[in-house]
Amino acid sequence: MAEHKHGEMDVEVQEKTFEGFMQFTTRTVIVILAIIILMAIFIT
């Protein structure tokens, strides 16, 4: 079994995936909040 050396793994792909996930999540939350605010203004 190979010996593990901390910090040698290439994590560029994982970092890009996480960044994309965070952007998607942030935009989704903003859209949901906008919908809720618009519903509160126009439906009541």
PDB file of N, CA and C in Angstrom:
ATOM      1  N   MET A   1       0.826  -1.174   0.000  1.00  0.00           N
ATOM      2  CA  MET A   1       0.000   0.000   0.000  1.00  0.00           C
ATOM      3  C   MET A   1       0.878   1.248   0.000  1.00  0.00           C
ATOM      4  N   ALA A   2       0.498   2.240  -0.812  1.00  0.00           N
ATOM      5  CA  ALA A   2       1.290   3.470  -0.912  1.00  0.00           C
ATOM      6  C   ALA A   2       1.148   4.302   0.354  1.00  0.00           C
ATOM      7  N   GLU A   3       2.201   4.989   0.674  1.00  0.00           N
ATOM      8  CA  GLU A   3       2.195   5.830   1.861  1.00  0.00           C
ATOM      9  C   GLU A   3       1.519   7.166   1.537  1.00  0.00           C
ATOM     10  N   HIS A   4       0.634   7.618   2.402  1.00  0.00           N
ATOM     11  CA  HIS A   4      -0.083   8.876   2.194  1.00  0.00           C
ATOM     12  C   HIS A   4       0.792  10.054   2.596  1.00  0.00           C
ATOM     13  N   LYS A   5       0.884  11.045   1.710  1.00  0.00           N
ATOM     14  CA  LYS A   5       1.628  12.266   2.008  1.00  0.00           C
ATOM     15  C   LYS A   5       0.648  13.434   1.938  1.00  0.00           C
ATOM     16  N   HIS A   6       0.465  14.106   3.040  1.00  0.00           N
ATOM     17  CA  HIS A   6      -0.508  15.186   3.149  1.00  0.00           C
ATOM     18  C   HIS A   6      -0.187  16.327   2.182  1.00  0.00           C
ATOM     19  N   GLY A   7      -1.209  16.777   1.434  1.00  0.00           N
ATOM     20  CA  GLY A   7      -1.066  17.938   0.572  1.00  0.00           C
ATOM     21  C   GLY A   7      -0.574  17.665  -0.832  1.00  0.00           C
ATOM     22  N   GLU A   8      -0.447  16.411  -1.240  1.00  0.00           N
ATOM     23  CA  GLU A   8       0.069  16.114  -2.571  1.00  0.00           C
ATOM     24  C   GLU A   8      -1.025  15.796  -3.589  1.00  0.00           C
ATOM     25  N   MET A   9      -2.243  15.620  -3.150  1.00  0.00           N
ATOM     26  CA  MET A   9      -3.324  15.278  -4.075  1.00  0.00           C
ATOM     27  C   MET A   9      -3.773  16.509  -4.861  1.00  0.00           C
ATOM     28  N   ASP A  10      -4.011  16.343  -6.160  1.00  0.00           N
ATOM     29  CA  ASP A  10      -4.505  17.439  -6.993  1.00  0.00           C
ATOM     30  C   ASP A  10      -6.009  17.568  -6.771  1.00  0.00           C
ATOM     31  N   VAL A  11      -6.426  18.685  -6.199  1.00  0.00           N
ATOM     32  CA  VAL A  11      -7.841  18.877  -5.860  1.00  0.00           C
ATOM     33  C   VAL A  11      -8.479  19.981  -6.703  1.00  0.00           C
ATOM     34  N   GLU A  12      -7.860  20.303  -7.838  1.00  0.00           N
ATOM     35  CA  GLU A  12      -8.365  21.378  -8.689  1.00  0.00           C
ATOM     36  C   GLU A  12      -9.788  21.092  -9.176  1.00  0.00           C
ATOM     37  N   VAL A  13     -10.055  19.869  -9.585  1.00  0.00           N
ATOM     38  CA  VAL A  13     -11.381  19.508 -10.088  1.00  0.00           C
ATOM     39  C   VAL A  13     -12.416  19.604  -8.968  1.00  0.00           C
ATOM     40  N   GLN A  14     -12.071  19.127  -7.775  1.00  0.00           N
ATOM     41  CA  GLN A  14     -12.994  19.191  -6.653  1.00  0.00           C
ATOM     42  C   GLN A  14     -13.283  20.643  -6.275  1.00  0.00           C
ATOM     43  N   GLU A  15     -12.272  21.509  -6.329  1.00  0.00           N
ATOM     44  CA  GLU A  15     -12.461  22.913  -5.991  1.00  0.00           C
ATOM     45  C   GLU A  15     -13.380  23.597  -6.998  1.00  0.00           C
ATOM     46  N   LYS A  16     -13.224  23.287  -8.285  1.00  0.00           N
ATOM     47  CA  LYS A  16     -14.087  23.864  -9.314  1.00  0.00           C
ATOM     48  C   LYS A  16     -15.521  23.371  -9.156  1.00  0.00           C
ATOM     49  N   THR A  17     -15.679  22.097  -8.832  1.00  0.00           N
ATOM     50  CA  THR A  17     -17.011  21.542  -8.622  1.00  0.00           C
ATOM     51  C   THR A  17     -17.685  22.210  -7.437  1.00  0.00           C
ATOM     52  N   PHE A  18     -16.964  22.384  -6.348  1.00  0.00           N
ATOM     53  CA  PHE A  18     -17.518  23.024  -5.157  1.00  0.00           C
ATOM     54  C   PHE A  18     -17.872  24.484  -5.439  1.00  0.00           C
ATOM     55  N   GLU A  19     -17.024  25.178  -6.191  1.00  0.00           N
ATOM     56  CA  GLU A  19     -17.301  26.565  -6.540  1.00  0.00           C
ATOM     57  C   GLU A  19     -18.584  26.669  -7.371  1.00  0.00           C
ATOM     58  N   GLY A  20     -18.740  25.768  -8.325  1.00  0.00           N
ATOM     59  CA  GLY A  20     -19.967  25.746  -9.130  1.00  0.00           C
ATOM     60  C   GLY A  20     -21.189  25.443  -8.294  1.00  0.00           C
ATOM     61  N   PHE A  21     -21.063  24.508  -7.367  1.00  0.00           N
ATOM     62  CA  PHE A  21     -22.169  24.168  -6.477  1.00  0.00           C
ATOM     63  C   PHE A  21     -22.560  25.365  -5.617  1.00  0.00           C
ATOM     64  N   MET A  22     -21.570  26.082  -5.087  1.00  0.00           N
ATOM     65  CA  MET A  22     -21.854  27.242  -4.246  1.00  0.00           C
ATOM     66  C   MET A  22     -22.520  28.366  -5.040  1.00  0.00           C
ATOM     67  N   GLN A  23     -22.093  28.583  -6.278  1.00  0.00           N
ATOM     68  CA  GLN A  23     -22.733  29.588  -7.125  1.00  0.00           C
ATOM     69  C   GLN A  23     -24.186  29.212  -7.403  1.00  0.00           C
ATOM     70  N   PHE A  24     -24.421  27.958  -7.729  1.00  0.00           N
ATOM     71  CA  PHE A  24     -25.774  27.485  -7.986  1.00  0.00           C
ATOM     72  C   PHE A  24     -26.648  27.661  -6.750  1.00  0.00           C
ATOM     73  N   THR A  25     -26.136  27.287  -5.593  1.00  0.00           N
ATOM     74  CA  THR A  25     -26.892  27.391  -4.351  1.00  0.00           C
ATOM     75  C   THR A  25     -27.201  28.845  -4.019  1.00  0.00           C
ATOM     76  N   THR A  26     -26.225  29.722  -4.163  1.00  0.00           N
ATOM     77  CA  THR A  26     -26.424  31.138  -3.868  1.00  0.00           C
ATOM     78  C   THR A  26     -27.484  31.736  -4.784  1.00  0.00           C
ATOM     79  N   ARG A  27     -27.391  31.471  -6.065  1.00  0.00           N
ATOM     80  CA  ARG A  27     -28.373  32.006  -7.021  1.00  0.00           C
ATOM     81  C   ARG A  27     -29.760  31.453  -6.754  1.00  0.00           C
ATOM     82  N   THR A  28     -29.847  30.178  -6.420  1.00  0.00           N
ATOM     83  CA  THR A  28     -31.140  29.572  -6.135  1.00  0.00           C
ATOM     84  C   THR A  28     -31.786  30.209  -4.912  1.00  0.00           C
ATOM     85  N   VAL A  29     -31.012  30.437  -3.866  1.00  0.00           N
ATOM     86  CA  VAL A  29     -31.540  31.073  -2.653  1.00  0.00           C
ATOM     87  C   VAL A  29     -32.018  32.484  -2.957  1.00  0.00           C
ATOM     88  N   ILE A  30     -31.272  33.230  -3.759  1.00  0.00           N
ATOM     89  CA  ILE A  30     -31.678  34.590  -4.123  1.00  0.00           C
ATOM     90  C   ILE A  30     -32.990  34.579  -4.891  1.00  0.00           C
ATOM     91  N   VAL A  31     -33.133  33.659  -5.838  1.00  0.00           N
ATOM     92  CA  VAL A  31     -34.369  33.561  -6.615  1.00  0.00           C
ATOM     93  C   VAL A  31     -35.549  33.191  -5.711  1.00  0.00           C
ATOM     94  N   ILE A  32     -35.345  32.243  -4.816  1.00  0.00           N
ATOM     95  CA  ILE A  32     -36.417  31.837  -3.905  1.00  0.00           C
ATOM     96  C   ILE A  32     -36.834  32.998  -3.015  1.00  0.00           C
ATOM     97  N   LEU A  33     -35.869  33.735  -2.476  1.00  0.00           N
ATOM     98  CA  LEU A  33     -36.198  34.891  -1.638  1.00  0.00           C
ATOM     99  C   LEU A  33     -36.944  35.957  -2.426  1.00  0.00           C
ATOM    100  N   ALA A  34     -36.539  36.188  -3.665  1.00  0.00           N
ATOM    101  CA  ALA A  34     -37.231  37.168  -4.509  1.00  0.00           C
ATOM    102  C   ALA A  34     -38.676  36.741  -4.752  1.00  0.00           C
ATOM    103  N   ILE A  35     -38.891  35.469  -5.003  1.00  0.00           N
ATOM    104  CA  ILE A  35     -40.249  34.962  -5.214  1.00  0.00           C
ATOM    105  C   ILE A  35     -41.090  35.149  -3.958  1.00  0.00           C
ATOM    106  N   ILE A  36     -40.527  34.824  -2.806  1.00  0.00           N
ATOM    107  CA  ILE A  36     -41.260  34.972  -1.546  1.00  0.00           C
ATOM    108  C   ILE A  36     -41.614  36.435  -1.301  1.00  0.00           C
ATOM    109  N   ILE A  37     -40.681  37.343  -1.549  1.00  0.00           N
ATOM    110  CA  ILE A  37     -40.941  38.766  -1.345  1.00  0.00           C
ATOM    111  C   ILE A  37     -42.026  39.252  -2.312  1.00  0.00           C
ATOM    112  N   LEU A  38     -41.942  38.855  -3.578  1.00  0.00           N
ATOM    113  CA  LEU A  38     -42.960  39.255  -4.540  1.00  0.00           C
ATOM    114  C   LEU A  38     -44.327  38.692  -4.178  1.00  0.00           C
ATOM    115  N   MET A  39     -44.367  37.463  -3.695  1.00  0.00           N
ATOM    116  CA  MET A  39     -45.635  36.878  -3.255  1.00  0.00           C
ATOM    117  C   MET A  39     -46.215  37.655  -2.069  1.00  0.00           C
ATOM    118  N   ALA A  40     -45.353  38.065  -1.158  1.00  0.00           N
ATOM    119  CA  ALA A  40     -45.801  38.811   0.007  1.00  0.00           C
ATOM    120  C   ALA A  40     -46.364  40.179  -0.395  1.00  0.00           C
ATOM    121  N   ILE A  41     -45.789  40.766  -1.429  1.00  0.00           N
ATOM    122  CA  ILE A  41     -46.243  42.088  -1.861  1.00  0.00           C
ATOM    123  C   ILE A  41     -47.539  42.003  -2.663  1.00  0.00           C
ATOM    124  N   PHE A  42     -47.623  41.101  -3.602  1.00  0.00           N
ATOM    125  CA  PHE A  42     -48.731  41.099  -4.557  1.00  0.00           C
ATOM    126  C   PHE A  42     -49.886  40.166  -4.224  1.00  0.00           C
ATOM    127  N   ILE A  43     -49.691  39.164  -3.426  1.00  0.00           N
ATOM    128  CA  ILE A  43     -50.760  38.207  -3.157  1.00  0.00           C
ATOM    129  C   ILE A  43     -51.584  38.596  -1.941  1.00  0.00           C
ATOM    130  N   THR A  44     -50.992  39.297  -0.992  1.00  0.00           N
ATOM    131  CA  THR A  44     -51.754  39.639   0.208  1.00  0.00           C
ATOM    132  C   THR A  44     -52.738  40.743  -0.016  1.00  0.00           C
TER     133      THR A  44
END
